[in-house]
Amino acid sequence: MVDEAVIGPGGGDEPVNVGRRRFLTASTLVVGAVGAGVAAIPFIKSWNPSARAQLAGAPVTVDISALQEGQRLIAEWRGQPIWIVKRSKAILDALPTLDGMLKDPESGNVDQQPDYVREANPELRSIKPDISVLVGLCTHLGCSPEMVAEIRPAPFDADWKGGYFCPCHKSKFDMAGRVYDGVPAPTNLLVPPHYYADDNTLVIGVDPQGAA
């Protein structure tokens, strides 16, 4: 289970440096700490874009400078949850070992991620190796899967290497959002268009300059 906390505008104690944040336009965000014994770290303060801007798919800019290994930050873009996860080396090392268990290990379905993400690394499905950016909706019926990031046996998989599990119909995805074979979900989780304005600033909803 992922512990998560939400801080609305102007509320809550914040254990990080507020001056490091550069939220330009963002919906309410969530940060979750994963792993046994890790406490949730609330550090979000944001402005909500207008409904018209959200429907238009206005870009969402997120400061990821406080995101720690094993944490998930949840933003909203076009009414969809966007999961931003900082993956550990153990998780990254485990991803290639799962290829034989997946429907689309090489991200061959071009509709599920931008070309520049697939070309960077089809197994990681990310621009930065350690930072995963995914639409947090199951590709079966649109439920929101649970993040089970620990590499350890799980009730639904005795050889679990970390990932996402949808309890609605038992679909499973790895920590790159790649779907397991033999589950109802037909495709990998969607990767939204995004780029990094700098090392700590993620822009969701816009392709990098010059990307096809």
N, C-alpha and C. Protein backbone atom coordinates (compact mmCIF):
# COMPACT_ATOMS: atom_id res chain seq x y z
N MET A 1 0.85 -1.19 0.00
CA MET A 1 0.00 0.00 0.00
C MET A 1 0.89 1.24 0.00
N VAL A 2 0.54 2.22 -0.79
CA VAL A 2 1.32 3.45 -0.88
C VAL A 2 0.72 4.50 0.02
N ASP A 3 1.49 5.04 0.97
CA ASP A 3 1.03 6.14 1.80
C ASP A 3 1.15 7.41 1.00
N GLU A 4 0.08 8.22 0.98
CA GLU A 4 0.10 9.45 0.21
C GLU A 4 -0.50 10.58 1.03
N ALA A 5 -0.04 11.78 0.76
CA ALA A 5 -0.56 12.94 1.46
C ALA A 5 -0.76 14.06 0.47
N VAL A 6 -1.81 14.86 0.68
CA VAL A 6 -2.11 15.98 -0.21
C VAL A 6 -2.05 17.26 0.60
N ILE A 7 -1.39 18.24 0.07
CA ILE A 7 -1.35 19.55 0.70
C ILE A 7 -1.98 20.54 -0.26
N GLY A 8 -3.06 21.18 0.18
CA GLY A 8 -3.72 22.17 -0.66
C GLY A 8 -3.02 23.51 -0.54
N PRO A 9 -3.44 24.50 -1.35
CA PRO A 9 -2.80 25.81 -1.30
C PRO A 9 -2.84 26.41 0.10
N GLY A 10 -1.67 26.72 0.61
CA GLY A 10 -1.58 27.42 1.88
C GLY A 10 -1.74 26.56 3.11
N GLY A 11 -1.81 25.22 2.98
CA GLY A 11 -2.10 24.41 4.15
C GLY A 11 -1.01 23.42 4.47
N GLY A 12 -0.86 23.10 5.76
CA GLY A 12 -0.01 21.99 6.17
C GLY A 12 1.42 22.37 6.46
N ASP A 13 2.07 21.55 7.27
CA ASP A 13 3.49 21.72 7.52
C ASP A 13 4.28 21.12 6.38
N GLU A 14 5.36 21.75 6.00
CA GLU A 14 6.11 21.33 4.83
C GLU A 14 7.58 21.17 5.19
N PRO A 15 8.11 19.95 5.15
CA PRO A 15 9.48 19.70 5.58
C PRO A 15 10.53 19.94 4.52
N VAL A 16 10.16 20.60 3.43
CA VAL A 16 11.15 20.88 2.40
C VAL A 16 11.21 22.37 2.15
N ASN A 17 12.22 22.79 1.44
CA ASN A 17 12.45 24.19 1.15
C ASN A 17 11.45 24.68 0.12
N VAL A 18 10.54 25.53 0.55
CA VAL A 18 9.51 26.04 -0.35
C VAL A 18 10.13 26.83 -1.49
N GLY A 19 11.25 27.48 -1.23
CA GLY A 19 11.89 28.29 -2.26
C GLY A 19 12.39 27.50 -3.43
N ARG A 20 12.52 26.17 -3.28
CA ARG A 20 13.02 25.35 -4.38
C ARG A 20 11.90 24.99 -5.35
N ARG A 21 10.64 25.28 -5.00
CA ARG A 21 9.54 24.87 -5.85
C ARG A 21 9.36 25.86 -6.99
N ARG A 22 9.02 25.33 -8.14
CA ARG A 22 8.73 26.18 -9.28
C ARG A 22 7.48 25.65 -9.96
N PHE A 23 6.36 25.58 -9.23
CA PHE A 23 5.11 25.15 -9.85
C PHE A 23 4.54 26.37 -10.59
N LEU A 24 4.42 26.26 -11.89
CA LEU A 24 3.88 27.36 -12.68
C LEU A 24 2.38 27.20 -12.84
N THR A 25 1.94 26.05 -13.37
CA THR A 25 0.53 25.71 -13.39
C THR A 25 0.44 24.25 -13.08
N ALA A 26 -0.35 23.90 -12.06
CA ALA A 26 -0.45 22.50 -11.68
C ALA A 26 -1.74 22.27 -10.93
N SER A 27 -2.27 21.06 -11.05
CA SER A 27 -3.37 20.65 -10.21
C SER A 27 -2.80 20.23 -8.87
N THR A 28 -3.68 19.91 -7.92
CA THR A 28 -3.21 19.39 -6.65
C THR A 28 -2.37 18.16 -6.90
N LEU A 29 -1.25 18.06 -6.23
CA LEU A 29 -0.32 16.96 -6.43
C LEU A 29 -0.27 16.10 -5.19
N VAL A 30 0.19 14.89 -5.37
CA VAL A 30 0.30 13.94 -4.27
C VAL A 30 1.70 13.37 -4.29
N VAL A 31 2.30 13.25 -3.12
CA VAL A 31 3.58 12.54 -3.06
C VAL A 31 3.37 11.31 -2.20
N GLY A 32 3.86 10.17 -2.68
CA GLY A 32 3.72 8.94 -1.93
C GLY A 32 5.08 8.33 -1.69
N ALA A 33 5.30 7.83 -0.51
CA ALA A 33 6.54 7.12 -0.20
C ALA A 33 6.25 5.64 -0.20
N VAL A 34 7.08 4.86 -0.89
CA VAL A 34 6.83 3.44 -0.99
C VAL A 34 7.95 2.68 -0.31
N GLY A 35 7.66 1.45 0.04
CA GLY A 35 8.65 0.61 0.70
C GLY A 35 8.34 0.50 2.18
N ALA A 36 8.69 -0.63 2.75
CA ALA A 36 8.39 -0.90 4.15
C ALA A 36 9.05 0.13 5.05
N GLY A 37 8.26 0.69 5.95
CA GLY A 37 8.80 1.59 6.97
C GLY A 37 9.10 2.98 6.48
N VAL A 38 8.71 3.33 5.24
CA VAL A 38 9.00 4.66 4.73
C VAL A 38 7.77 5.53 4.92
N ALA A 39 7.93 6.67 5.56
CA ALA A 39 6.80 7.53 5.85
C ALA A 39 6.49 8.42 4.65
N ALA A 40 5.23 8.81 4.55
CA ALA A 40 4.84 9.74 3.49
C ALA A 40 5.46 11.10 3.78
N ILE A 41 5.84 11.81 2.72
CA ILE A 41 6.46 13.12 2.88
C ILE A 41 5.62 14.14 2.13
N PRO A 42 4.73 14.85 2.81
CA PRO A 42 3.92 15.84 2.11
C PRO A 42 4.74 17.09 1.83
N PHE A 43 4.75 17.55 0.59
CA PHE A 43 5.50 18.77 0.32
C PHE A 43 4.88 19.59 -0.80
N ILE A 44 3.58 19.39 -1.05
CA ILE A 44 2.99 19.97 -2.24
C ILE A 44 2.20 21.23 -1.92
N LYS A 45 2.42 22.23 -2.72
CA LYS A 45 1.62 23.44 -2.66
C LYS A 45 1.47 23.90 -4.10
N SER A 46 0.23 24.11 -4.54
CA SER A 46 0.07 24.36 -5.97
C SER A 46 -1.14 25.23 -6.23
N TRP A 47 -1.27 25.64 -7.47
CA TRP A 47 -2.43 26.35 -7.95
C TRP A 47 -3.20 25.43 -8.89
N ASN A 48 -4.52 25.53 -8.85
CA ASN A 48 -5.35 24.71 -9.73
C ASN A 48 -5.67 25.48 -11.00
N PRO A 49 -5.36 24.93 -12.17
CA PRO A 49 -5.71 25.60 -13.42
C PRO A 49 -7.22 25.58 -13.60
N SER A 50 -7.73 26.48 -14.40
CA SER A 50 -9.17 26.54 -14.64
C SER A 50 -9.64 25.29 -15.35
N ALA A 51 -10.94 25.01 -15.24
CA ALA A 51 -11.51 23.84 -15.92
C ALA A 51 -11.30 23.95 -17.42
N ARG A 52 -11.42 25.16 -17.95
CA ARG A 52 -11.22 25.34 -19.39
C ARG A 52 -9.79 24.99 -19.79
N ALA A 53 -8.82 25.42 -18.97
CA ALA A 53 -7.42 25.11 -19.27
C ALA A 53 -7.17 23.62 -19.21
N GLN A 54 -7.78 22.94 -18.21
CA GLN A 54 -7.58 21.50 -18.11
C GLN A 54 -8.15 20.79 -19.32
N LEU A 55 -9.37 21.19 -19.74
CA LEU A 55 -9.99 20.54 -20.89
C LEU A 55 -9.17 20.78 -22.15
N ALA A 56 -8.52 21.93 -22.22
CA ALA A 56 -7.70 22.24 -23.39
C ALA A 56 -6.36 21.52 -23.35
N GLY A 57 -6.08 20.86 -22.25
CA GLY A 57 -4.82 20.13 -22.15
C GLY A 57 -3.64 21.03 -21.91
N ALA A 58 -3.86 22.12 -21.15
CA ALA A 58 -2.75 23.03 -20.86
C ALA A 58 -1.61 22.28 -20.19
N PRO A 59 -0.37 22.58 -20.53
CA PRO A 59 0.77 21.90 -19.90
C PRO A 59 0.78 22.10 -18.39
N VAL A 60 1.30 21.13 -17.69
CA VAL A 60 1.44 21.18 -16.24
C VAL A 60 2.93 21.12 -15.92
N THR A 61 3.41 22.08 -15.18
CA THR A 61 4.83 22.14 -14.82
C THR A 61 5.00 21.71 -13.37
N VAL A 62 5.90 20.77 -13.14
CA VAL A 62 6.07 20.18 -11.82
C VAL A 62 7.53 20.25 -11.39
N ASP A 63 7.76 20.73 -10.18
CA ASP A 63 9.10 20.73 -9.59
C ASP A 63 9.33 19.35 -8.97
N ILE A 64 10.34 18.63 -9.45
CA ILE A 64 10.63 17.29 -8.93
C ILE A 64 11.90 17.28 -8.07
N SER A 65 12.36 18.46 -7.66
CA SER A 65 13.63 18.53 -6.93
C SER A 65 13.58 17.80 -5.59
N ALA A 66 12.40 17.70 -4.97
CA ALA A 66 12.29 17.04 -3.67
C ALA A 66 11.90 15.57 -3.78
N LEU A 67 11.71 15.09 -5.00
CA LEU A 67 11.30 13.69 -5.19
C LEU A 67 12.46 12.76 -4.87
N GLN A 68 12.24 11.86 -3.94
CA GLN A 68 13.28 10.93 -3.49
C GLN A 68 13.08 9.55 -4.11
N GLU A 69 14.15 8.78 -4.11
CA GLU A 69 14.08 7.42 -4.64
C GLU A 69 12.97 6.63 -3.95
N GLY A 70 12.13 5.99 -4.75
CA GLY A 70 11.03 5.20 -4.21
C GLY A 70 9.76 5.97 -3.97
N GLN A 71 9.75 7.27 -4.28
CA GLN A 71 8.54 8.07 -4.08
C GLN A 71 7.77 8.24 -5.38
N ARG A 72 6.47 8.45 -5.21
CA ARG A 72 5.61 8.75 -6.35
C ARG A 72 4.94 10.10 -6.14
N LEU A 73 5.01 10.93 -7.15
CA LEU A 73 4.32 12.21 -7.18
C LEU A 73 3.18 12.08 -8.17
N ILE A 74 1.99 12.53 -7.81
CA ILE A 74 0.84 12.42 -8.70
C ILE A 74 0.36 13.81 -9.08
N ALA A 75 0.39 14.11 -10.37
CA ALA A 75 -0.13 15.36 -10.90
C ALA A 75 -1.41 15.05 -11.68
N GLU A 76 -2.05 16.07 -12.20
CA GLU A 76 -3.24 15.88 -13.02
C GLU A 76 -3.08 16.65 -14.32
N TRP A 77 -3.36 15.98 -15.42
CA TRP A 77 -3.29 16.60 -16.74
C TRP A 77 -4.44 16.05 -17.57
N ARG A 78 -5.24 16.95 -18.14
CA ARG A 78 -6.42 16.56 -18.92
C ARG A 78 -7.35 15.65 -18.11
N GLY A 79 -7.45 15.90 -16.83
CA GLY A 79 -8.32 15.12 -15.98
C GLY A 79 -7.81 13.73 -15.66
N GLN A 80 -6.57 13.44 -16.00
CA GLN A 80 -5.99 12.12 -15.76
C GLN A 80 -4.87 12.21 -14.72
N PRO A 81 -4.75 11.18 -13.86
CA PRO A 81 -3.62 11.17 -12.93
C PRO A 81 -2.32 10.86 -13.67
N ILE A 82 -1.31 11.63 -13.41
CA ILE A 82 0.01 11.40 -13.99
C ILE A 82 0.96 10.99 -12.87
N TRP A 83 1.49 9.80 -13.00
CA TRP A 83 2.40 9.26 -11.98
C TRP A 83 3.84 9.60 -12.34
N ILE A 84 4.53 10.22 -11.41
CA ILE A 84 5.95 10.54 -11.57
C ILE A 84 6.69 9.78 -10.47
N VAL A 85 7.49 8.81 -10.86
CA VAL A 85 8.12 7.90 -9.90
C VAL A 85 9.63 7.92 -10.08
N LYS A 86 10.34 8.05 -8.98
CA LYS A 86 11.81 7.94 -9.02
C LYS A 86 12.18 6.50 -8.67
N ARG A 87 12.68 5.77 -9.66
CA ARG A 87 12.95 4.35 -9.50
C ARG A 87 14.36 4.09 -8.98
N SER A 88 14.48 3.05 -8.17
CA SER A 88 15.77 2.67 -7.60
C SER A 88 16.59 1.88 -8.61
N LYS A 89 17.88 1.73 -8.33
CA LYS A 89 18.75 0.92 -9.19
C LYS A 89 18.26 -0.53 -9.22
N ALA A 90 17.79 -1.03 -8.08
CA ALA A 90 17.29 -2.41 -8.04
C ALA A 90 16.10 -2.60 -8.98
N ILE A 91 15.22 -1.62 -9.01
CA ILE A 91 14.07 -1.68 -9.91
C ILE A 91 14.54 -1.63 -11.36
N LEU A 92 15.45 -0.72 -11.67
CA LEU A 92 15.96 -0.60 -13.05
C LEU A 92 16.65 -1.88 -13.49
N ASP A 93 17.40 -2.49 -12.59
CA ASP A 93 18.10 -3.74 -12.93
C ASP A 93 17.12 -4.88 -13.16
N ALA A 94 15.97 -4.83 -12.49
CA ALA A 94 14.99 -5.91 -12.62
C ALA A 94 14.19 -5.84 -13.92
N LEU A 95 14.03 -4.66 -14.48
CA LEU A 95 13.16 -4.51 -15.65
C LEU A 95 13.55 -5.41 -16.83
N PRO A 96 14.83 -5.49 -17.23
CA PRO A 96 15.16 -6.35 -18.38
C PRO A 96 14.88 -7.83 -18.13
N THR A 97 14.84 -8.25 -16.88
CA THR A 97 14.61 -9.66 -16.58
C THR A 97 13.15 -10.06 -16.78
N LEU A 98 12.28 -9.09 -17.00
CA LEU A 98 10.85 -9.37 -17.11
C LEU A 98 10.36 -9.50 -18.55
N ASP A 99 11.23 -9.25 -19.52
CA ASP A 99 10.80 -9.17 -20.92
C ASP A 99 9.98 -10.38 -21.37
N GLY A 100 10.37 -11.57 -20.96
CA GLY A 100 9.67 -12.78 -21.40
C GLY A 100 8.30 -12.95 -20.80
N MET A 101 7.94 -12.12 -19.83
CA MET A 101 6.64 -12.22 -19.16
C MET A 101 5.65 -11.17 -19.64
N LEU A 102 6.06 -10.34 -20.60
CA LEU A 102 5.29 -9.17 -20.98
C LEU A 102 4.70 -9.28 -22.38
N LYS A 103 3.58 -8.56 -22.61
CA LYS A 103 2.94 -8.55 -23.93
C LYS A 103 3.72 -7.71 -24.93
N ASP A 104 4.26 -6.61 -24.47
CA ASP A 104 4.93 -5.66 -25.37
C ASP A 104 6.20 -5.13 -24.70
N PRO A 105 7.20 -5.99 -24.51
CA PRO A 105 8.39 -5.58 -23.76
C PRO A 105 9.21 -4.50 -24.43
N GLU A 106 9.16 -4.42 -25.76
CA GLU A 106 9.95 -3.43 -26.49
C GLU A 106 9.15 -2.19 -26.86
N SER A 107 7.98 -2.04 -26.25
CA SER A 107 7.14 -0.86 -26.49
C SER A 107 6.84 -0.68 -27.97
N GLY A 108 6.47 -1.78 -28.62
CA GLY A 108 6.21 -1.74 -30.06
C GLY A 108 4.92 -1.03 -30.43
N ASN A 109 3.97 -0.94 -29.52
CA ASN A 109 2.73 -0.22 -29.78
C ASN A 109 3.02 1.27 -29.70
N VAL A 110 3.11 1.90 -30.85
CA VAL A 110 3.58 3.29 -30.90
C VAL A 110 2.57 4.27 -30.31
N ASP A 111 1.33 3.83 -30.11
CA ASP A 111 0.32 4.73 -29.56
C ASP A 111 0.45 4.91 -28.06
N GLN A 112 1.26 4.09 -27.41
CA GLN A 112 1.31 4.11 -25.95
C GLN A 112 2.43 4.97 -25.37
N GLN A 113 3.27 5.52 -26.22
CA GLN A 113 4.31 6.43 -25.75
C GLN A 113 4.84 7.23 -26.92
N PRO A 114 5.34 8.44 -26.67
CA PRO A 114 5.96 9.22 -27.75
C PRO A 114 7.18 8.50 -28.30
N ASP A 115 7.49 8.77 -29.56
CA ASP A 115 8.65 8.14 -30.20
C ASP A 115 9.94 8.41 -29.44
N TYR A 116 10.11 9.64 -28.94
CA TYR A 116 11.38 9.98 -28.29
C TYR A 116 11.56 9.21 -26.98
N VAL A 117 10.48 8.79 -26.36
CA VAL A 117 10.59 7.97 -25.15
C VAL A 117 10.99 6.54 -25.52
N ARG A 118 10.35 5.99 -26.54
CA ARG A 118 10.66 4.62 -26.96
C ARG A 118 12.09 4.53 -27.49
N GLU A 119 12.51 5.53 -28.23
CA GLU A 119 13.85 5.51 -28.81
C GLU A 119 14.93 5.67 -27.73
N ALA A 120 14.62 6.39 -26.67
CA ALA A 120 15.61 6.57 -25.59
C ALA A 120 15.91 5.24 -24.92
N ASN A 121 14.87 4.47 -24.63
CA ASN A 121 15.03 3.13 -24.05
C ASN A 121 13.67 2.46 -23.99
N PRO A 122 13.40 1.48 -24.86
CA PRO A 122 12.08 0.85 -24.89
C PRO A 122 11.74 0.06 -23.64
N GLU A 123 12.74 -0.38 -22.90
CA GLU A 123 12.46 -1.12 -21.66
C GLU A 123 12.14 -0.18 -20.50
N LEU A 124 12.85 0.93 -20.42
CA LEU A 124 12.61 1.87 -19.33
C LEU A 124 11.43 2.78 -19.60
N ARG A 125 11.15 3.08 -20.88
CA ARG A 125 10.04 3.94 -21.29
C ARG A 125 10.11 5.29 -20.58
N SER A 126 11.28 5.89 -20.60
CA SER A 126 11.45 7.17 -19.92
C SER A 126 12.59 7.95 -20.56
N ILE A 127 12.53 9.27 -20.42
CA ILE A 127 13.60 10.12 -20.91
C ILE A 127 14.80 10.02 -19.97
N LYS A 128 14.56 10.20 -18.68
CA LYS A 128 15.59 9.98 -17.66
C LYS A 128 15.46 8.54 -17.17
N PRO A 129 16.54 7.82 -17.06
CA PRO A 129 16.44 6.41 -16.66
C PRO A 129 15.68 6.18 -15.36
N ASP A 130 15.92 7.04 -14.38
CA ASP A 130 15.32 6.78 -13.07
C ASP A 130 13.92 7.37 -12.88
N ILE A 131 13.50 8.29 -13.74
CA ILE A 131 12.21 8.95 -13.57
C ILE A 131 11.20 8.41 -14.58
N SER A 132 10.17 7.78 -14.06
CA SER A 132 9.08 7.27 -14.89
C SER A 132 7.91 8.24 -14.86
N VAL A 133 7.31 8.49 -16.02
CA VAL A 133 6.15 9.38 -16.13
C VAL A 133 5.06 8.61 -16.87
N LEU A 134 3.96 8.31 -16.19
CA LEU A 134 2.91 7.46 -16.75
C LEU A 134 1.53 8.04 -16.46
N VAL A 135 0.58 7.76 -17.34
CA VAL A 135 -0.83 8.01 -17.04
C VAL A 135 -1.30 6.86 -16.14
N GLY A 136 -1.80 7.19 -14.96
CA GLY A 136 -2.12 6.18 -13.97
C GLY A 136 -3.49 5.56 -14.12
N LEU A 137 -3.83 5.13 -15.33
CA LEU A 137 -5.11 4.48 -15.60
C LEU A 137 -4.87 3.16 -16.31
N CYS A 138 -5.47 2.09 -15.80
CA CYS A 138 -5.34 0.78 -16.43
C CYS A 138 -5.90 0.83 -17.84
N THR A 139 -5.21 0.20 -18.77
CA THR A 139 -5.63 0.21 -20.17
C THR A 139 -6.74 -0.80 -20.45
N HIS A 140 -7.23 -1.46 -19.43
CA HIS A 140 -8.37 -2.38 -19.59
C HIS A 140 -9.67 -1.59 -19.54
N LEU A 141 -10.05 -1.12 -18.35
CA LEU A 141 -11.31 -0.38 -18.19
C LEU A 141 -11.13 0.96 -17.49
N GLY A 142 -9.89 1.43 -17.40
CA GLY A 142 -9.66 2.76 -16.86
C GLY A 142 -9.63 2.86 -15.35
N CYS A 143 -9.51 1.74 -14.65
CA CYS A 143 -9.33 1.79 -13.19
C CYS A 143 -7.94 2.35 -12.88
N SER A 144 -7.73 2.72 -11.63
CA SER A 144 -6.41 3.21 -11.23
C SER A 144 -5.68 2.11 -10.47
N PRO A 145 -4.64 1.52 -11.05
CA PRO A 145 -3.91 0.44 -10.38
C PRO A 145 -3.22 0.91 -9.10
N GLU A 146 -2.90 -0.04 -8.25
CA GLU A 146 -2.13 0.23 -7.05
C GLU A 146 -0.64 0.08 -7.36
N MET A 147 0.18 0.95 -6.78
CA MET A 147 1.62 0.79 -6.93
C MET A 147 2.13 -0.13 -5.83
N VAL A 148 2.77 -1.21 -6.23
CA VAL A 148 3.39 -2.16 -5.30
C VAL A 148 4.85 -2.24 -5.72
N ALA A 149 5.65 -1.31 -5.22
CA ALA A 149 7.00 -1.11 -5.76
C ALA A 149 8.06 -2.02 -5.16
N GLU A 150 7.75 -2.68 -4.06
CA GLU A 150 8.75 -3.52 -3.42
C GLU A 150 9.03 -4.78 -4.23
N ILE A 151 10.31 -5.15 -4.33
CA ILE A 151 10.69 -6.41 -4.98
C ILE A 151 10.62 -7.51 -3.92
N ARG A 152 9.49 -8.19 -3.91
CA ARG A 152 9.28 -9.26 -2.94
C ARG A 152 7.99 -9.99 -3.33
N PRO A 153 7.80 -11.22 -2.85
CA PRO A 153 6.59 -11.96 -3.19
C PRO A 153 5.34 -11.17 -2.80
N ALA A 154 4.35 -11.20 -3.70
CA ALA A 154 3.08 -10.52 -3.46
C ALA A 154 1.96 -11.55 -3.55
N PRO A 155 0.80 -11.28 -2.96
CA PRO A 155 -0.31 -12.23 -3.02
C PRO A 155 -0.72 -12.59 -4.44
N PHE A 156 -0.49 -11.68 -5.37
CA PHE A 156 -0.90 -11.91 -6.76
C PHE A 156 0.25 -12.37 -7.65
N ASP A 157 1.47 -12.43 -7.11
CA ASP A 157 2.64 -12.85 -7.90
C ASP A 157 3.78 -13.20 -6.94
N ALA A 158 4.11 -14.48 -6.88
CA ALA A 158 5.15 -14.93 -5.95
C ALA A 158 6.54 -14.45 -6.33
N ASP A 159 6.72 -14.02 -7.58
CA ASP A 159 8.03 -13.56 -8.05
C ASP A 159 7.96 -12.09 -8.46
N TRP A 160 7.26 -11.31 -7.69
CA TRP A 160 7.00 -9.91 -8.03
C TRP A 160 8.27 -9.07 -7.98
N LYS A 161 8.49 -8.28 -9.05
CA LYS A 161 9.68 -7.44 -9.17
C LYS A 161 9.36 -5.95 -9.06
N GLY A 162 8.21 -5.66 -8.49
CA GLY A 162 7.79 -4.26 -8.37
C GLY A 162 6.97 -3.85 -9.58
N GLY A 163 5.97 -3.00 -9.33
CA GLY A 163 5.14 -2.54 -10.44
C GLY A 163 3.78 -2.08 -9.97
N TYR A 164 2.80 -2.26 -10.83
CA TYR A 164 1.45 -1.79 -10.58
C TYR A 164 0.47 -2.95 -10.74
N PHE A 165 -0.48 -3.04 -9.81
CA PHE A 165 -1.47 -4.11 -9.83
C PHE A 165 -2.86 -3.50 -9.79
N CYS A 166 -3.70 -3.91 -10.73
CA CYS A 166 -5.08 -3.42 -10.78
C CYS A 166 -5.99 -4.46 -10.14
N PRO A 167 -6.48 -4.22 -8.94
CA PRO A 167 -7.29 -5.22 -8.25
C PRO A 167 -8.65 -5.45 -8.88
N CYS A 168 -9.09 -4.54 -9.74
CA CYS A 168 -10.41 -4.70 -10.36
C CYS A 168 -10.50 -5.99 -11.16
N HIS A 169 -9.51 -6.22 -12.05
CA HIS A 169 -9.53 -7.41 -12.91
C HIS A 169 -8.17 -8.08 -13.01
N LYS A 170 -7.28 -7.76 -12.05
CA LYS A 170 -6.01 -8.47 -11.87
C LYS A 170 -4.96 -8.20 -12.95
N SER A 171 -5.04 -7.07 -13.62
CA SER A 171 -3.99 -6.73 -14.57
C SER A 171 -2.73 -6.30 -13.82
N LYS A 172 -1.57 -6.59 -14.40
CA LYS A 172 -0.29 -6.27 -13.79
C LYS A 172 0.60 -5.53 -14.79
N PHE A 173 1.36 -4.59 -14.26
CA PHE A 173 2.31 -3.81 -15.06
C PHE A 173 3.61 -3.71 -14.28
N ASP A 174 4.74 -3.66 -14.99
CA ASP A 174 6.01 -3.49 -14.29
C ASP A 174 6.24 -2.01 -13.99
N MET A 175 7.41 -1.69 -13.42
CA MET A 175 7.68 -0.31 -13.02
C MET A 175 8.00 0.61 -14.19
N ALA A 176 7.94 0.09 -15.41
CA ALA A 176 8.00 0.93 -16.60
C ALA A 176 6.61 1.06 -17.22
N GLY A 177 5.60 0.47 -16.57
CA GLY A 177 4.25 0.51 -17.10
C GLY A 177 3.99 -0.50 -18.20
N ARG A 178 4.87 -1.49 -18.34
CA ARG A 178 4.68 -2.51 -19.38
C ARG A 178 3.75 -3.60 -18.84
N VAL A 179 2.78 -3.99 -19.65
CA VAL A 179 1.75 -4.92 -19.21
C VAL A 179 2.23 -6.37 -19.28
N TYR A 180 1.86 -7.13 -18.27
CA TYR A 180 2.18 -8.56 -18.25
C TYR A 180 1.31 -9.31 -19.25
N ASP A 181 1.82 -10.42 -19.72
CA ASP A 181 1.04 -11.31 -20.57
C ASP A 181 0.01 -12.04 -19.71
N GLY A 182 -1.11 -12.42 -20.34
CA GLY A 182 -2.11 -13.22 -19.65
C GLY A 182 -3.02 -12.45 -18.71
N VAL A 183 -3.09 -11.12 -18.86
CA VAL A 183 -3.99 -10.31 -18.04
C VAL A 183 -4.95 -9.55 -18.96
N PRO A 184 -6.07 -9.03 -18.43
CA PRO A 184 -7.06 -8.37 -19.30
C PRO A 184 -6.56 -7.11 -20.01
N ALA A 185 -5.69 -6.33 -19.37
CA ALA A 185 -5.23 -5.08 -19.99
C ALA A 185 -4.52 -5.39 -21.30
N PRO A 186 -4.90 -4.73 -22.40
CA PRO A 186 -4.35 -5.06 -23.71
C PRO A 186 -3.01 -4.40 -24.03
N THR A 187 -2.72 -3.28 -23.40
CA THR A 187 -1.53 -2.51 -23.78
C THR A 187 -0.80 -1.98 -22.55
N ASN A 188 0.42 -1.52 -22.78
CA ASN A 188 1.19 -0.86 -21.74
C ASN A 188 0.49 0.41 -21.26
N LEU A 189 0.80 0.85 -20.06
CA LEU A 189 0.29 2.13 -19.59
C LEU A 189 0.79 3.24 -20.51
N LEU A 190 -0.02 4.26 -20.65
CA LEU A 190 0.30 5.36 -21.54
C LEU A 190 1.37 6.27 -20.93
N VAL A 191 2.32 6.68 -21.76
CA VAL A 191 3.30 7.70 -21.37
C VAL A 191 2.86 9.01 -22.01
N PRO A 192 2.59 10.05 -21.23
CA PRO A 192 2.15 11.31 -21.82
C PRO A 192 3.31 12.07 -22.45
N PRO A 193 3.03 12.99 -23.34
CA PRO A 193 4.11 13.85 -23.84
C PRO A 193 4.69 14.65 -22.67
N HIS A 194 5.99 14.77 -22.64
CA HIS A 194 6.62 15.53 -21.56
C HIS A 194 8.07 15.83 -21.92
N TYR A 195 8.65 16.77 -21.19
CA TYR A 195 10.08 17.05 -21.33
C TYR A 195 10.56 17.70 -20.04
N TYR A 196 11.87 17.83 -19.92
CA TYR A 196 12.47 18.46 -18.75
C TYR A 196 13.00 19.84 -19.14
N ALA A 197 12.43 20.87 -18.52
CA ALA A 197 12.91 22.23 -18.77
C ALA A 197 14.30 22.42 -18.19
N ASP A 198 14.57 21.74 -17.07
CA ASP A 198 15.90 21.67 -16.47
C ASP A 198 15.93 20.41 -15.61
N ASP A 199 16.98 20.22 -14.85
CA ASP A 199 17.13 18.98 -14.09
C ASP A 199 15.99 18.72 -13.12
N ASN A 200 15.37 19.79 -12.63
CA ASN A 200 14.35 19.65 -11.59
C ASN A 200 12.95 20.04 -12.02
N THR A 201 12.76 20.37 -13.28
CA THR A 201 11.46 20.85 -13.74
C THR A 201 10.93 19.99 -14.88
N LEU A 202 9.81 19.31 -14.60
CA LEU A 202 9.15 18.45 -15.57
C LEU A 202 7.94 19.17 -16.13
N VAL A 203 7.81 19.17 -17.45
CA VAL A 203 6.65 19.77 -18.11
C VAL A 203 5.86 18.66 -18.77
N ILE A 204 4.61 18.48 -18.35
CA ILE A 204 3.74 17.42 -18.85
C ILE A 204 2.76 18.01 -19.84
N GLY A 205 2.61 17.35 -20.98
CA GLY A 205 1.64 17.78 -21.98
C GLY A 205 2.25 18.42 -23.20
N VAL A 206 3.58 18.53 -23.23
CA VAL A 206 4.28 19.15 -24.35
C VAL A 206 5.47 18.28 -24.71
N ASP A 207 5.71 18.08 -26.00
CA ASP A 207 6.88 17.34 -26.46
C ASP A 207 8.13 18.22 -26.36
N PRO A 208 9.30 17.61 -26.27
CA PRO A 208 10.54 18.40 -26.30
C PRO A 208 10.64 19.18 -27.61
N GLN A 209 11.29 20.31 -27.56
CA GLN A 209 11.47 21.12 -28.77
C GLN A 209 12.21 20.30 -29.82
N GLY A 210 11.65 20.27 -31.01
CA GLY A 210 12.27 19.54 -32.10
C GLY A 210 11.83 18.10 -32.22
N ALA A 211 11.04 17.60 -31.25
CA ALA A 211 10.57 16.21 -31.32
C ALA A 211 9.53 16.08 -32.42
N ALA A 212 9.57 14.93 -33.12
CA ALA A 212 8.61 14.71 -34.20
C ALA A 212 7.22 14.49 -33.62
